[in-house]
Structures are given as C-alpha cells and as structure tokens.
PDB file of N, CA and C in Angstrom:
ATOM      1  N   MET A   1      -4.810   7.872 -10.530  1.00  0.00           N
ATOM      2  CA  MET A   1      -3.774   8.354  -9.615  1.00  0.00           C
ATOM      3  C   MET A   1      -3.345   7.106  -8.754  1.00  0.00           C
ATOM      4  N   THR A   2      -2.038   7.189  -8.446  1.00  0.00           N
ATOM      5  CA  THR A   2      -1.366   6.065  -7.692  1.00  0.00           C
ATOM      6  C   THR A   2      -1.595   6.123  -6.175  1.00  0.00           C
ATOM      7  N   ILE A   3      -2.015   5.051  -5.511  1.00  0.00           N
ATOM      8  CA  ILE A   3      -2.084   4.960  -4.115  1.00  0.00           C
ATOM      9  C   ILE A   3      -1.069   3.950  -3.652  1.00  0.00           C
ATOM     10  N   LEU A   4      -0.421   4.332  -2.472  1.00  0.00           N
ATOM     11  CA  LEU A   4       0.441   3.320  -1.806  1.00  0.00           C
ATOM     12  C   LEU A   4      -0.128   2.973  -0.501  1.00  0.00           C
ATOM     13  N   ALA A   5      -0.092   1.697  -0.156  1.00  0.00           N
ATOM     14  CA  ALA A   5      -0.408   1.147   1.225  1.00  0.00           C
ATOM     15  C   ALA A   5       1.029   0.917   1.830  1.00  0.00           C
ATOM     16  N   VAL A   6       1.296   1.701   2.962  1.00  0.00           N
ATOM     17  CA  VAL A   6       2.593   1.776   3.519  1.00  0.00           C
ATOM     18  C   VAL A   6       2.522   0.777   4.850  1.00  0.00           C
ATOM     19  N   PHE A   7       3.555  -0.091   4.923  1.00  0.00           N
ATOM     20  CA  PHE A   7       3.616  -0.962   6.027  1.00  0.00           C
ATOM     21  C   PHE A   7       5.088  -0.804   6.663  1.00  0.00           C
ATOM     22  N   ARG A   8       5.168  -1.281   7.914  1.00  0.00           N
ATOM     23  CA  ARG A   8       6.475  -1.263   8.595  1.00  0.00           C
ATOM     24  C   ARG A   8       7.114  -2.678   8.504  1.00  0.00           C
ATOM     25  N   SER A   9       6.440  -3.594   7.750  1.00  0.00           N
ATOM     26  CA  SER A   9       6.964  -4.931   7.666  1.00  0.00           C
ATOM     27  C   SER A   9       6.937  -5.383   6.153  1.00  0.00           C
ATOM     28  N   ARG A  10       8.087  -5.807   5.774  1.00  0.00           N
ATOM     29  CA  ARG A  10       8.267  -6.210   4.256  1.00  0.00           C
ATOM     30  C   ARG A  10       7.271  -7.381   4.091  1.00  0.00           C
ATOM     31  N   ALA A  11       7.330  -8.435   4.985  1.00  0.00           N
ATOM     32  CA  ALA A  11       6.514  -9.588   4.937  1.00  0.00           C
ATOM     33  C   ALA A  11       5.082  -9.306   4.773  1.00  0.00           C
ATOM     34  N   GLN A  12       4.507  -8.303   5.499  1.00  0.00           N
ATOM     35  CA  GLN A  12       3.182  -8.000   5.432  1.00  0.00           C
ATOM     36  C   GLN A  12       2.776  -7.221   4.197  1.00  0.00           C
ATOM     37  N   THR A  13       3.718  -6.427   3.690  1.00  0.00           N
ATOM     38  CA  THR A  13       3.666  -5.751   2.443  1.00  0.00           C
ATOM     39  C   THR A  13       3.393  -6.796   1.312  1.00  0.00           C
ATOM     40  N   LEU A  14       4.309  -7.756   1.338  1.00  0.00           N
ATOM     41  CA  LEU A  14       4.190  -8.731   0.154  1.00  0.00           C
ATOM     42  C   LEU A  14       3.045  -9.625   0.302  1.00  0.00           C
ATOM     43  N   ASP A  15       2.539  -9.918   1.536  1.00  0.00           N
ATOM     44  CA  ASP A  15       1.371 -10.602   1.665  1.00  0.00           C
ATOM     45  C   ASP A  15       0.134  -9.875   1.206  1.00  0.00           C
ATOM     46  N   TYR A  16       0.099  -8.536   1.531  1.00  0.00           N
ATOM     47  CA  TYR A  16      -0.970  -7.717   1.014  1.00  0.00           C
ATOM     48  C   TYR A  16      -0.965  -7.627  -0.543  1.00  0.00           C
ATOM     49  N   VAL A  17       0.170  -7.525  -1.081  1.00  0.00           N
ATOM     50  CA  VAL A  17       0.191  -7.393  -2.537  1.00  0.00           C
ATOM     51  C   VAL A  17      -0.199  -8.634  -3.216  1.00  0.00           C
ATOM     52  N   ALA A  18       0.062  -9.847  -2.593  1.00  0.00           N
ATOM     53  CA  ALA A  18      -0.429 -11.093  -3.080  1.00  0.00           C
ATOM     54  C   ALA A  18      -1.965 -11.172  -2.851  1.00  0.00           C
ATOM     55  N   ALA A  19      -2.470 -10.740  -1.775  1.00  0.00           N
ATOM     56  CA  ALA A  19      -3.958 -10.708  -1.586  1.00  0.00           C
ATOM     57  C   ALA A  19      -4.667  -9.878  -2.579  1.00  0.00           C
ATOM     58  N   LEU A  20      -4.174  -8.767  -2.888  1.00  0.00           N
ATOM     59  CA  LEU A  20      -4.689  -7.838  -3.945  1.00  0.00           C
ATOM     60  C   LEU A  20      -4.765  -8.477  -5.329  1.00  0.00           C
ATOM     61  N   LYS A  21      -3.576  -9.100  -5.610  1.00  0.00           N
ATOM     62  CA  LYS A  21      -3.439  -9.734  -6.994  1.00  0.00           C
ATOM     63  C   LYS A  21      -4.473 -10.910  -7.090  1.00  0.00           C
ATOM     64  N   ASN A  22      -4.533 -11.637  -5.974  1.00  0.00           N
ATOM     65  CA  ASN A  22      -5.441 -12.818  -6.011  1.00  0.00           C
ATOM     66  C   ASN A  22      -6.961 -12.344  -6.076  1.00  0.00           C
ATOM     67  N   ALA A  23      -7.232 -11.073  -5.688  1.00  0.00           N
ATOM     68  CA  ALA A  23      -8.556 -10.531  -5.846  1.00  0.00           C
ATOM     69  C   ALA A  23      -8.768  -9.899  -7.156  1.00  0.00           C
ATOM     70  N   GLY A  24      -7.754  -9.902  -8.060  1.00  0.00           N
ATOM     71  CA  GLY A  24      -7.944  -9.343  -9.355  1.00  0.00           C
ATOM     72  C   GLY A  24      -7.595  -7.886  -9.454  1.00  0.00           C
ATOM     73  N   ILE A  25      -6.905  -7.331  -8.380  1.00  0.00           N
ATOM     74  CA  ILE A  25      -6.520  -5.971  -8.261  1.00  0.00           C
ATOM     75  C   ILE A  25      -5.075  -5.914  -8.724  1.00  0.00           C
ATOM     76  N   PRO A  26      -4.806  -5.126  -9.838  1.00  0.00           N
ATOM     77  CA  PRO A  26      -3.310  -4.954 -10.251  1.00  0.00           C
ATOM     78  C   PRO A  26      -2.577  -4.209  -9.200  1.00  0.00           C
ATOM     79  N   ALA A  27      -1.538  -4.913  -8.609  1.00  0.00           N
ATOM     80  CA  ALA A  27      -0.706  -4.323  -7.552  1.00  0.00           C
ATOM     81  C   ALA A  27       0.682  -4.719  -7.647  1.00  0.00           C
ATOM     82  N   SER A  28       1.581  -3.944  -7.127  1.00  0.00           N
ATOM     83  CA  SER A  28       2.898  -4.374  -7.200  1.00  0.00           C
ATOM     84  C   SER A  28       3.688  -3.781  -5.854  1.00  0.00           C
ATOM     85  N   ALA A  29       4.793  -4.317  -5.546  1.00  0.00           N
ATOM     86  CA  ALA A  29       5.531  -3.868  -4.410  1.00  0.00           C
ATOM     87  C   ALA A  29       6.623  -2.826  -5.004  1.00  0.00           C
ATOM     88  N   VAL A  30       6.615  -1.678  -4.391  1.00  0.00           N
ATOM     89  CA  VAL A  30       7.458  -0.541  -4.894  1.00  0.00           C
ATOM     90  C   VAL A  30       8.283  -0.029  -3.661  1.00  0.00           C
ATOM     91  N   ALA A  31       9.225   0.740  -3.920  1.00  0.00           N
ATOM     92  CA  ALA A  31      10.008   1.463  -2.904  1.00  0.00           C
ATOM     93  C   ALA A  31       9.152   2.472  -2.076  1.00  0.00           C
ATOM     94  N   THR A  32       9.322   2.467  -0.840  1.00  0.00           N
ATOM     95  CA  THR A  32       8.518   3.406   0.040  1.00  0.00           C
ATOM     96  C   THR A  32       9.162   4.686  -0.110  1.00  0.00           C
ATOM     97  N   PRO A  33       8.310   5.687  -0.336  1.00  0.00           N
ATOM     98  CA  PRO A  33       8.946   7.161  -0.522  1.00  0.00           C
ATOM     99  C   PRO A  33       9.432   7.649   0.868  1.00  0.00           C
ATOM    100  N   LYS A  34      10.367   8.437   0.841  1.00  0.00           N
ATOM    101  CA  LYS A  34      10.925   8.946   2.126  1.00  0.00           C
ATOM    102  C   LYS A  34       9.799   9.785   2.933  1.00  0.00           C
ATOM    103  N   GLU A  35       8.881  10.219   2.338  1.00  0.00           N
ATOM    104  CA  GLU A  35       7.784  11.144   2.972  1.00  0.00           C
ATOM    105  C   GLU A  35       7.016  10.288   3.902  1.00  0.00           C
ATOM    106  N   ALA A  36       7.112   8.786   3.769  1.00  0.00           N
ATOM    107  CA  ALA A  36       6.350   7.932   4.591  1.00  0.00           C
ATOM    108  C   ALA A  36       6.824   7.834   5.954  1.00  0.00           C
ATOM    109  N   GLY A  37       8.154   8.054   6.142  1.00  0.00           N
ATOM    110  CA  GLY A  37       8.786   8.084   7.621  1.00  0.00           C
ATOM    111  C   GLY A  37       8.774   6.717   8.173  1.00  0.00           C
ATOM    112  N   VAL A  38       8.819   5.582   7.340  1.00  0.00           N
ATOM    113  CA  VAL A  38       8.956   4.260   7.944  1.00  0.00           C
ATOM    114  C   VAL A  38      10.115   3.593   7.255  1.00  0.00           C
ATOM    115  N   GLY A  39      10.613   2.531   7.785  1.00  0.00           N
ATOM    116  CA  GLY A  39      11.854   1.988   7.355  1.00  0.00           C
ATOM    117  C   GLY A  39      11.845   0.610   6.615  1.00  0.00           C
ATOM    118  N   CYS A  40      10.640   0.071   6.257  1.00  0.00           N
ATOM    119  CA  CYS A  40      10.710  -1.286   5.788  1.00  0.00           C
ATOM    120  C   CYS A  40      11.207  -1.177   4.321  1.00  0.00           C
ATOM    121  N   GLY A  41      11.017  -0.130   3.505  1.00  0.00           N
ATOM    122  CA  GLY A  41      11.606  -0.015   2.251  1.00  0.00           C
ATOM    123  C   GLY A  41      10.686  -0.357   1.071  1.00  0.00           C
ATOM    124  N   ILE A  42       9.546  -1.089   1.276  1.00  0.00           N
ATOM    125  CA  ILE A  42       8.649  -1.365   0.146  1.00  0.00           C
ATOM    126  C   ILE A  42       7.237  -1.137   0.654  1.00  0.00           C
ATOM    127  N   SER A  43       6.366  -0.767  -0.345  1.00  0.00           N
ATOM    128  CA  SER A  43       4.957  -0.496  -0.032  1.00  0.00           C
ATOM    129  C   SER A  43       4.213  -1.246  -1.196  1.00  0.00           C
ATOM    130  N   ALA A  44       2.935  -1.329  -0.950  1.00  0.00           N
ATOM    131  CA  ALA A  44       2.001  -1.846  -2.044  1.00  0.00           C
ATOM    132  C   ALA A  44       1.387  -0.711  -2.921  1.00  0.00           C
ATOM    133  N   LYS A  45       1.552  -0.842  -4.240  1.00  0.00           N
ATOM    134  CA  LYS A  45       1.215   0.145  -5.146  1.00  0.00           C
ATOM    135  C   LYS A  45      -0.072  -0.311  -5.971  1.00  0.00           C
ATOM    136  N   PHE A  46      -1.125   0.541  -6.041  1.00  0.00           N
ATOM    137  CA  PHE A  46      -2.227   0.218  -6.896  1.00  0.00           C
ATOM    138  C   PHE A  46      -2.887   1.531  -7.377  1.00  0.00           C
ATOM    139  N   GLU A  47      -3.760   1.511  -8.270  1.00  0.00           N
ATOM    140  CA  GLU A  47      -4.472   2.640  -8.816  1.00  0.00           C
ATOM    141  C   GLU A  47      -5.632   3.004  -7.922  1.00  0.00           C
ATOM    142  N   GLU A  48      -5.996   4.277  -7.881  1.00  0.00           N
ATOM    143  CA  GLU A  48      -6.976   4.815  -7.041  1.00  0.00           C
ATOM    144  C   GLU A  48      -8.441   4.233  -7.302  1.00  0.00           C
ATOM    145  N   ASN A  49      -8.637   3.823  -8.560  1.00  0.00           N
ATOM    146  CA  ASN A  49     -10.007   3.249  -8.795  1.00  0.00           C
ATOM    147  C   ASN A  49     -10.167   1.928  -8.138  1.00  0.00           C
ATOM    148  N   PHE A  50      -9.216   1.308  -7.592  1.00  0.00           N
ATOM    149  CA  PHE A  50      -9.281   0.088  -6.788  1.00  0.00           C
ATOM    150  C   PHE A  50      -9.232   0.341  -5.236  1.00  0.00           C
ATOM    151  N   PHE A  51      -9.107   1.592  -4.862  1.00  0.00           N
ATOM    152  CA  PHE A  51      -9.050   1.857  -3.478  1.00  0.00           C
ATOM    153  C   PHE A  51     -10.104   1.319  -2.457  1.00  0.00           C
ATOM    154  N   ALA A  52     -11.244   1.380  -2.787  1.00  0.00           N
ATOM    155  CA  ALA A  52     -12.335   0.894  -1.977  1.00  0.00           C
ATOM    156  C   ALA A  52     -12.149  -0.717  -1.770  1.00  0.00           C
ATOM    157  N   ARG A  53     -11.860  -1.385  -2.834  1.00  0.00           N
ATOM    158  CA  ARG A  53     -11.751  -2.816  -2.714  1.00  0.00           C
ATOM    159  C   ARG A  53     -10.355  -3.104  -1.965  1.00  0.00           C
ATOM    160  N   ALA A  54      -9.370  -2.350  -2.246  1.00  0.00           N
ATOM    161  CA  ALA A  54      -7.989  -2.515  -1.465  1.00  0.00           C
ATOM    162  C   ALA A  54      -8.174  -2.395  -0.081  1.00  0.00           C
ATOM    163  N   ARG A  55      -8.917  -1.330   0.266  1.00  0.00           N
ATOM    164  CA  ARG A  55      -9.170  -1.032   1.804  1.00  0.00           C
ATOM    165  C   ARG A  55     -10.035  -2.169   2.396  1.00  0.00           C
ATOM    166  N   PHE A  56     -10.900  -2.705   1.677  1.00  0.00           N
ATOM    167  CA  PHE A  56     -11.672  -3.857   2.172  1.00  0.00           C
ATOM    168  C   PHE A  56     -10.813  -5.002   2.521  1.00  0.00           C
ATOM    169  N   PHE A  57      -9.830  -5.292   1.657  1.00  0.00           N
ATOM    170  CA  PHE A  57      -8.940  -6.448   1.809  1.00  0.00           C
ATOM    171  C   PHE A  57      -7.963  -6.111   3.038  1.00  0.00           C
ATOM    172  N   LEU A  58      -7.640  -4.921   3.243  1.00  0.00           N
ATOM    173  CA  LEU A  58      -6.804  -4.489   4.364  1.00  0.00           C
ATOM    174  C   LEU A  58      -7.491  -4.855   5.592  1.00  0.00           C
ATOM    175  N   GLN A  59      -8.877  -4.629   5.768  1.00  0.00           N
ATOM    176  CA  GLN A  59      -9.691  -4.748   6.993  1.00  0.00           C
ATOM    177  C   GLN A  59      -9.870  -6.278   7.340  1.00  0.00           C
ATOM    178  N   LYS A  60      -9.745  -7.130   6.292  1.00  0.00           N
ATOM    179  CA  LYS A  60      -9.919  -8.479   6.423  1.00  0.00           C
ATOM    180  C   LYS A  60      -8.815  -9.167   7.020  1.00  0.00           C
ATOM    181  N   ARG A  61      -7.682  -8.702   7.065  1.00  0.00           N
ATOM    182  CA  ARG A  61      -6.441  -9.314   7.576  1.00  0.00           C
ATOM    183  C   ARG A  61      -5.871  -8.473   8.681  1.00  0.00           C
ATOM    184  N   PRO A  62      -5.216  -9.099   9.697  1.00  0.00           N
ATOM    185  CA  PRO A  62      -4.647  -8.406  10.840  1.00  0.00           C
ATOM    186  C   PRO A  62      -3.252  -7.843  10.498  1.00  0.00           C
ATOM    187  N   TYR A  63      -3.079  -6.781   9.794  1.00  0.00           N
ATOM    188  CA  TYR A  63      -1.728  -6.191   9.472  1.00  0.00           C
ATOM    189  C   TYR A  63      -1.359  -5.239  10.575  1.00  0.00           C
ATOM    190  N   ALA A  64      -0.772  -5.635  11.563  1.00  0.00           N
ATOM    191  CA  ALA A  64      -0.405  -4.784  12.613  1.00  0.00           C
ATOM    192  C   ALA A  64       0.677  -3.731  12.221  1.00  0.00           C
ATOM    193  N   SER A  65       1.321  -3.956  11.124  1.00  0.00           N
ATOM    194  CA  SER A  65       2.407  -2.998  10.671  1.00  0.00           C
ATOM    195  C   SER A  65       1.901  -1.963   9.649  1.00  0.00           C
ATOM    196  N   PHE A  66       0.594  -1.987   9.346  1.00  0.00           N
ATOM    197  CA  PHE A  66       0.042  -1.051   8.308  1.00  0.00           C
ATOM    198  C   PHE A  66       0.197   0.378   9.007  1.00  0.00           C
ATOM    199  N   SER A  67       0.765   1.331   8.144  1.00  0.00           N
ATOM    200  CA  SER A  67       0.975   2.660   8.488  1.00  0.00           C
ATOM    201  C   SER A  67       0.020   3.570   8.031  1.00  0.00           C
ATOM    202  N   GLY A  68      -0.616   3.394   6.816  1.00  0.00           N
ATOM    203  CA  GLY A  68      -1.436   4.226   6.234  1.00  0.00           C
ATOM    204  C   GLY A  68      -1.469   4.239   4.731  1.00  0.00           C
ATOM    205  N   PHE A  69      -2.280   4.942   4.102  1.00  0.00           N
ATOM    206  CA  PHE A  69      -2.378   5.019   2.599  1.00  0.00           C
ATOM    207  C   PHE A  69      -1.830   6.397   2.305  1.00  0.00           C
ATOM    208  N   MET A  70      -1.159   6.436   1.061  1.00  0.00           N
ATOM    209  CA  MET A  70      -0.565   7.641   0.637  1.00  0.00           C
ATOM    210  C   MET A  70      -0.987   7.814  -0.916  1.00  0.00           C
ATOM    211  N   ARG A  71      -1.141   9.051  -1.276  1.00  0.00           N
ATOM    212  CA  ARG A  71      -1.493   9.438  -2.636  1.00  0.00           C
ATOM    213  C   ARG A  71      -0.378  10.268  -3.181  1.00  0.00           C
ATOM    214  N   ARG A  72      -0.100  10.212  -4.442  1.00  0.00           N
ATOM    215  CA  ARG A  72       0.882  11.042  -5.186  1.00  0.00           C
ATOM    216  C   ARG A  72       0.190  12.332  -5.231  1.00  0.00           C
ATOM    217  N   THR A  73       0.878  13.431  -4.897  1.00  0.00           N
ATOM    218  CA  THR A  73       0.434  14.869  -5.043  1.00  0.00           C
ATOM    219  C   THR A  73       1.613  15.512  -5.684  1.00  0.00           C
ATOM    220  N   GLY A  74       1.426  15.914  -6.946  1.00  0.00           N
ATOM    221  CA  GLY A  74       2.581  16.576  -7.565  1.00  0.00           C
ATOM    222  C   GLY A  74       3.723  15.647  -7.739  1.00  0.00           C
ATOM    223  N   ASP A  75       4.968  16.108  -7.108  1.00  0.00           N
ATOM    224  CA  ASP A  75       6.150  15.356  -7.165  1.00  0.00           C
ATOM    225  C   ASP A  75       6.455  14.619  -5.825  1.00  0.00           C
ATOM    226  N   LYS A  76       5.370  14.542  -4.882  1.00  0.00           N
ATOM    227  CA  LYS A  76       5.752  13.735  -3.740  1.00  0.00           C
ATOM    228  C   LYS A  76       4.394  13.032  -3.309  1.00  0.00           C
ATOM    229  N   PHE A  77       4.509  12.119  -2.302  1.00  0.00           N
ATOM    230  CA  PHE A  77       3.343  11.415  -1.648  1.00  0.00           C
ATOM    231  C   PHE A  77       3.025  12.081  -0.345  1.00  0.00           C
ATOM    232  N   VAL A  78       1.645  12.010  -0.090  1.00  0.00           N
ATOM    233  CA  VAL A  78       1.194  12.561   1.242  1.00  0.00           C
ATOM    234  C   VAL A  78       0.172  11.506   1.759  1.00  0.00           C
ATOM    235  N   TYR A  79       0.107  11.407   3.124  1.00  0.00           N
ATOM    236  CA  TYR A  79      -0.869  10.547   3.683  1.00  0.00           C
ATOM    237  C   TYR A  79      -2.245  11.068   3.457  1.00  0.00           C
ATOM    238  N   LEU A  80      -3.182   9.967   3.308  1.00  0.00           N
ATOM    239  CA  LEU A  80      -4.540  10.387   3.053  1.00  0.00           C
ATOM    240  C   LEU A  80      -5.224  10.687   4.408  1.00  0.00           C
TER     241      LEU A  80
END
C-alpha cells in the first residue's frame, strides 16, 4: 500500500526523498493529493513496508514543514 509524507515545503520534500533513497528506501516525489489540504504541490511517496524506517529518518531531521503521513484508502488519501 502507498504511503505519502506530506510537507508544506517543496525543498524539504525533496530533501526527505533524497534521504530515503540514500537509505535504500525506494521513494519518489509525487503530486500532493487535494485531501492533504496543503499547498506545496509535492509529497514523498513510498510503500508501506518501509514505513517504520521512513518514520525513523523523519525524526532524525528537523522538518518543520512536515504535515503528516497519508495512506491510500480506496480512491482517496487519508491522514494516518
């Protein structure tokens, strides 16, 4: 299942994607869904089986613009 890490900053999103990739976690920058209610336009996407590791890397960096994690449920995304 797909997980999104939603940020209010494009730069922080891209930094987080790079950190995940450097840790061996397949990740990409994708369009932020409208359900997120934030305006930066991109989020970090990765698969749920990497969620614990991805959350660990989020805690290691001071991402002030982090809004939350979202999961695809049916045809829309919802916050965890």
